[in-house]
């Protein structure tokens, strides 16, 4: 159960990281 929960958190962080980098790239493109 603990291992499964940890993996779920890892997936959540991965998705959050993707959203963050995508938004960051979008802002960078707007700046240029």
PDB file of N, CA and C in Angstrom:
ATOM      1  N   UNK A   1       0.847  -1.207   0.000  1.00  0.00           N
ATOM      2  CA  UNK A   1       0.000   0.000   0.000  1.00  0.00           C
ATOM      3  C   UNK A   1       0.883   1.258   0.000  1.00  0.00           C
ATOM      4  N   UNK A   2       1.917   1.224   0.844  1.00  0.00           N
ATOM      5  CA  UNK A   2       2.784   2.395   0.936  1.00  0.00           C
ATOM      6  C   UNK A   2       3.522   2.632  -0.381  1.00  0.00           C
ATOM      7  N   UNK A   3       4.017   1.528  -0.975  1.00  0.00           N
ATOM      8  CA  UNK A   3       4.737   1.655  -2.238  1.00  0.00           C
ATOM      9  C   UNK A   3       3.838   2.191  -3.342  1.00  0.00           C
ATOM     10  N   UNK A   4       2.589   1.724  -3.349  1.00  0.00           N
ATOM     11  CA  UNK A   4       1.638   2.157  -4.373  1.00  0.00           C
ATOM     12  C   UNK A   4       1.336   3.648  -4.213  1.00  0.00           C
ATOM     13  N   UNK A   5       1.191   4.071  -2.967  1.00  0.00           N
ATOM     14  CA  UNK A   5       0.912   5.476  -2.685  1.00  0.00           C
ATOM     15  C   UNK A   5       2.072   6.359  -3.138  1.00  0.00           C
ATOM     16  N   UNK A   6       3.281   5.873  -2.883  1.00  0.00           N
ATOM     17  CA  UNK A   6       4.468   6.635  -3.268  1.00  0.00           C
ATOM     18  C   UNK A   6       4.546   6.765  -4.786  1.00  0.00           C
ATOM     19  N   UNK A   7       4.197   5.689  -5.489  1.00  0.00           N
ATOM     20  CA  UNK A   7       4.235   5.722  -6.952  1.00  0.00           C
ATOM     21  C   UNK A   7       3.186   6.709  -7.470  1.00  0.00           C
ATOM     22  N   UNK A   8       2.032   6.743  -6.825  1.00  0.00           N
ATOM     23  CA  UNK A   8       0.971   7.667  -7.228  1.00  0.00           C
ATOM     24  C   UNK A   8       1.425   9.105  -7.083  1.00  0.00           C
ATOM     25  N   UNK A   9       2.123   9.372  -5.983  1.00  0.00           N
ATOM     26  CA  UNK A   9       2.629  10.726  -5.752  1.00  0.00           C
ATOM     27  C   UNK A   9       3.661  11.078  -6.822  1.00  0.00           C
ATOM     28  N   UNK A  10       4.483  10.088  -7.190  1.00  0.00           N
ATOM     29  CA  UNK A  10       5.493  10.320  -8.224  1.00  0.00           C
ATOM     30  C   UNK A  10       4.846  10.682  -9.549  1.00  0.00           C
ATOM     31  N   UNK A  11       3.758   9.980  -9.878  1.00  0.00           N
ATOM     32  CA  UNK A  11       3.042  10.262 -11.132  1.00  0.00           C
ATOM     33  C   UNK A  11       2.442  11.661 -11.084  1.00  0.00           C
ATOM     34  N   UNK A  12       1.881  12.032  -9.939  1.00  0.00           N
ATOM     35  CA  UNK A  12       1.294  13.361  -9.782  1.00  0.00           C
ATOM     36  C   UNK A  12       2.358  14.436  -9.976  1.00  0.00           C
ATOM     37  N   UNK A  13       3.529  14.214  -9.365  1.00  0.00           N
ATOM     38  CA  UNK A  13       4.615  15.186  -9.494  1.00  0.00           C
ATOM     39  C   UNK A  13       5.068  15.282 -10.945  1.00  0.00           C
ATOM     40  N   UNK A  14       5.092  14.147 -11.636  1.00  0.00           N
ATOM     41  CA  UNK A  14       5.515  14.121 -13.036  1.00  0.00           C
ATOM     42  C   UNK A  14       4.558  14.947 -13.894  1.00  0.00           C
ATOM     43  N   UNK A  15       3.264  14.758 -13.684  1.00  0.00           N
ATOM     44  CA  UNK A  15       2.249  15.499 -14.448  1.00  0.00           C
ATOM     45  C   UNK A  15       2.345  16.986 -14.126  1.00  0.00           C
ATOM     46  N   UNK A  16       2.515  17.310 -12.836  1.00  0.00           N
ATOM     47  CA  UNK A  16       2.632  18.704 -12.412  1.00  0.00           C
ATOM     48  C   UNK A  16       3.854  19.354 -13.057  1.00  0.00           C
ATOM     49  N   UNK A  17       4.967  18.591 -13.112  1.00  0.00           N
ATOM     50  CA  UNK A  17       6.207  19.089 -13.704  1.00  0.00           C
ATOM     51  C   UNK A  17       6.001  19.383 -15.186  1.00  0.00           C
ATOM     52  N   UNK A  18       5.277  18.498 -15.876  1.00  0.00           N
ATOM     53  CA  UNK A  18       5.020  18.691 -17.305  1.00  0.00           C
ATOM     54  C   UNK A  18       4.186  19.950 -17.521  1.00  0.00           C
ATOM     55  N   UNK A  19       3.153  20.134 -16.703  1.00  0.00           N
ATOM     56  CA  UNK A  19       2.298  21.315 -16.833  1.00  0.00           C
ATOM     57  C   UNK A  19       3.109  22.586 -16.597  1.00  0.00           C
ATOM     58  N   UNK A  20       3.984  22.539 -15.574  1.00  0.00           N
ATOM     59  CA  UNK A  20       4.784  23.698 -15.200  1.00  0.00           C
ATOM     60  C   UNK A  20       5.740  24.082 -16.326  1.00  0.00           C
ATOM     61  N   UNK A  21       6.448  23.086 -16.876  1.00  0.00           N
ATOM     62  CA  UNK A  21       7.417  23.369 -17.939  1.00  0.00           C
ATOM     63  C   UNK A  21       6.702  23.850 -19.196  1.00  0.00           C
ATOM     64  N   UNK A  22       5.512  23.324 -19.452  1.00  0.00           N
ATOM     65  CA  UNK A  22       4.746  23.734 -20.632  1.00  0.00           C
ATOM     66  C   UNK A  22       4.332  25.196 -20.491  1.00  0.00           C
ATOM     67  N   UNK A  23       3.895  25.565 -19.297  1.00  0.00           N
ATOM     68  CA  UNK A  23       3.477  26.948 -19.048  1.00  0.00           C
ATOM     69  C   UNK A  23       4.676  27.888 -19.119  1.00  0.00           C
ATOM     70  N   UNK A  24       5.827  27.391 -18.591  1.00  0.00           N
ATOM     71  CA  UNK A  24       7.048  28.195 -18.600  1.00  0.00           C
ATOM     72  C   UNK A  24       7.488  28.468 -20.038  1.00  0.00           C
ATOM     73  N   UNK A  25       7.425  27.434 -20.885  1.00  0.00           N
ATOM     74  CA  UNK A  25       7.800  27.589 -22.294  1.00  0.00           C
ATOM     75  C   UNK A  25       6.876  28.592 -22.970  1.00  0.00           C
ATOM     76  N   UNK A  26       5.591  28.532 -22.635  1.00  0.00           N
ATOM     77  CA  UNK A  26       4.610  29.439 -23.223  1.00  0.00           C
ATOM     78  C   UNK A  26       4.935  30.888 -22.849  1.00  0.00           C
ATOM     79  N   UNK A  27       5.281  31.103 -21.572  1.00  0.00           N
ATOM     80  CA  UNK A  27       5.631  32.450 -21.114  1.00  0.00           C
ATOM     81  C   UNK A  27       6.909  32.933 -21.789  1.00  0.00           C
ATOM     82  N   UNK A  28       7.858  32.026 -21.974  1.00  0.00           N
ATOM     83  CA  UNK A  28       9.116  32.395 -22.623  1.00  0.00           C
ATOM     84  C   UNK A  28       8.850  32.843 -24.058  1.00  0.00           C
ATOM     85  N   UNK A  29       7.964  32.136 -24.743  1.00  0.00           N
ATOM     86  CA  UNK A  29       7.640  32.476 -26.128  1.00  0.00           C
ATOM     87  C   UNK A  29       6.945  33.831 -26.195  1.00  0.00           C
ATOM     88  N   UNK A  30       6.143  34.145 -25.181  1.00  0.00           N
ATOM     89  CA  UNK A  30       5.464  35.439 -25.155  1.00  0.00           C
ATOM     90  C   UNK A  30       6.462  36.568 -24.938  1.00  0.00           C
ATOM     91  N   UNK A  31       7.490  36.299 -24.131  1.00  0.00           N
ATOM     92  CA  UNK A  31       8.501  37.314 -23.821  1.00  0.00           C
ATOM     93  C   UNK A  31       9.283  37.708 -25.067  1.00  0.00           C
ATOM     94  N   UNK A  32       9.591  36.735 -25.912  1.00  0.00           N
ATOM     95  CA  UNK A  32      10.417  36.989 -27.099  1.00  0.00           C
ATOM     96  C   UNK A  32       9.637  37.796 -28.143  1.00  0.00           C
TER      97      UNK A  32
END
